[in-house]
Amino acid sequence: MKFVSSIFSEILGLFVDDGNLALQVLGLIALVALAVRYGGLAPLAGAGLLLMGCIAILALSLRRKLRG
């Protein structure tokens, strides 16, 4: 059983290297989806918000990694 768990952990590591980064992006996607669906945000504005949000999340993650 430990072997199967190890394999699963390695496969998950291929897709999710930084769990915090992944959670932030998923949260951003959820918030923008809710804003477009129920908040009246235009889909094109939502796409721009996703782009800017992902760039900001990536920049902050990079800054954290460089600081130590």
C-alpha atoms as a PDB file:
ATOM      1  CA  MET A   1       0.000   0.000   0.000  1.00  0.00           C
ATOM      2  CA  LYS A   2       2.874   2.351   0.726  1.00  0.00           C
ATOM      3  CA  PHE A   3       4.132   1.752  -2.826  1.00  0.00           C
ATOM      4  CA  VAL A   4       0.805   2.851  -4.342  1.00  0.00           C
ATOM      5  CA  SER A   5       0.719   5.904  -2.086  1.00  0.00           C
ATOM      6  CA  SER A   6       4.249   6.818  -3.152  1.00  0.00           C
ATOM      7  CA  ILE A   7       3.348   6.530  -6.834  1.00  0.00           C
ATOM      8  CA  PHE A   8       0.240   8.675  -6.352  1.00  0.00           C
ATOM      9  CA  SER A   9       2.264  11.288  -4.496  1.00  0.00           C
ATOM     10  CA  GLU A  10       4.855  11.438  -7.291  1.00  0.00           C
ATOM     11  CA  ILE A  11       2.203  11.773  -9.996  1.00  0.00           C
ATOM     12  CA  LEU A  12       0.451  14.537  -8.049  1.00  0.00           C
ATOM     13  CA  GLY A  13       3.818  16.285  -7.671  1.00  0.00           C
ATOM     14  CA  LEU A  14       4.130  16.427 -11.460  1.00  0.00           C
ATOM     15  CA  PHE A  15       1.022  18.602 -11.676  1.00  0.00           C
ATOM     16  CA  VAL A  16       1.107  20.514  -8.386  1.00  0.00           C
ATOM     17  CA  ASP A  17       4.567  21.646  -7.367  1.00  0.00           C
ATOM     18  CA  ASP A  18       3.541  24.465  -5.073  1.00  0.00           C
ATOM     19  CA  GLY A  19       0.275  23.774  -3.286  1.00  0.00           C
ATOM     20  CA  ASN A  20      -0.126  27.370  -2.151  1.00  0.00           C
ATOM     21  CA  LEU A  21       0.210  28.634  -5.715  1.00  0.00           C
ATOM     22  CA  ALA A  22      -2.327  26.097  -6.959  1.00  0.00           C
ATOM     23  CA  LEU A  23      -4.838  27.053  -4.256  1.00  0.00           C
ATOM     24  CA  GLN A  24      -4.470  30.744  -5.041  1.00  0.00           C
ATOM     25  CA  VAL A  25      -5.097  30.171  -8.746  1.00  0.00           C
ATOM     26  CA  LEU A  26      -8.116  27.953  -8.034  1.00  0.00           C
ATOM     27  CA  GLY A  27      -9.485  30.615  -5.679  1.00  0.00           C
ATOM     28  CA  LEU A  28      -9.002  33.291  -8.338  1.00  0.00           C
ATOM     29  CA  ILE A  29     -10.803  31.170 -10.919  1.00  0.00           C
ATOM     30  CA  ALA A  30     -13.705  30.569  -8.529  1.00  0.00           C
ATOM     31  CA  LEU A  31     -14.046  34.256  -7.644  1.00  0.00           C
ATOM     32  CA  VAL A  32     -13.959  35.406 -11.261  1.00  0.00           C
ATOM     33  CA  ALA A  33     -16.410  32.687 -12.306  1.00  0.00           C
ATOM     34  CA  LEU A  34     -18.833  33.796  -9.591  1.00  0.00           C
ATOM     35  CA  ALA A  35     -18.409  37.444 -10.575  1.00  0.00           C
ATOM     36  CA  VAL A  36     -19.140  36.671 -14.229  1.00  0.00           C
ATOM     37  CA  ARG A  37     -22.018  34.317 -13.491  1.00  0.00           C
ATOM     38  CA  TYR A  38     -23.819  36.171 -10.710  1.00  0.00           C
ATOM     39  CA  GLY A  39     -22.160  39.568 -10.386  1.00  0.00           C
ATOM     40  CA  GLY A  40     -22.792  40.881 -13.865  1.00  0.00           C
ATOM     41  CA  LEU A  41     -19.108  41.110 -14.812  1.00  0.00           C
ATOM     42  CA  ALA A  42     -18.635  40.970 -18.581  1.00  0.00           C
ATOM     43  CA  PRO A  43     -16.892  37.796 -19.779  1.00  0.00           C
ATOM     44  CA  LEU A  44     -14.143  39.779 -21.509  1.00  0.00           C
ATOM     45  CA  ALA A  45     -13.505  41.728 -18.307  1.00  0.00           C
ATOM     46  CA  GLY A  46     -13.424  38.416 -16.441  1.00  0.00           C
ATOM     47  CA  ALA A  47     -10.785  37.121 -18.835  1.00  0.00           C
ATOM     48  CA  GLY A  48      -8.691  40.232 -18.257  1.00  0.00           C
ATOM     49  CA  LEU A  49      -9.115  39.841 -14.509  1.00  0.00           C
ATOM     50  CA  LEU A  50      -7.983  36.224 -14.727  1.00  0.00           C
ATOM     51  CA  LEU A  51      -4.923  37.220 -16.740  1.00  0.00           C
ATOM     52  CA  MET A  52      -3.921  40.030 -14.371  1.00  0.00           C
ATOM     53  CA  GLY A  53      -4.659  37.895 -11.318  1.00  0.00           C
ATOM     54  CA  CYS A  54      -2.550  34.988 -12.552  1.00  0.00           C
ATOM     55  CA  ILE A  55       0.333  37.326 -13.372  1.00  0.00           C
ATOM     56  CA  ALA A  56       0.089  38.890  -9.895  1.00  0.00           C
ATOM     57  CA  ILE A  57      -0.045  35.498  -8.176  1.00  0.00           C
ATOM     58  CA  LEU A  58       2.966  34.301 -10.166  1.00  0.00           C
ATOM     59  CA  ALA A  59       4.935  37.472  -9.402  1.00  0.00           C
ATOM     60  CA  LEU A  60       4.214  37.209  -5.681  1.00  0.00           C
ATOM     61  CA  SER A  61       5.157  33.533  -5.674  1.00  0.00           C
ATOM     62  CA  LEU A  62       8.415  34.310  -7.442  1.00  0.00           C
ATOM     63  CA  ARG A  63       9.145  37.104  -4.960  1.00  0.00           C
ATOM     64  CA  ARG A  64       8.560  34.703  -2.040  1.00  0.00           C
ATOM     65  CA  LYS A  65      10.900  32.117  -3.570  1.00  0.00           C
ATOM     66  CA  LEU A  66      13.654  34.663  -4.197  1.00  0.00           C
ATOM     67  CA  ARG A  67      13.496  36.006  -0.634  1.00  0.00           C
ATOM     68  CA  GLY A  68      14.001  32.591   0.797  1.00  0.00           C
END
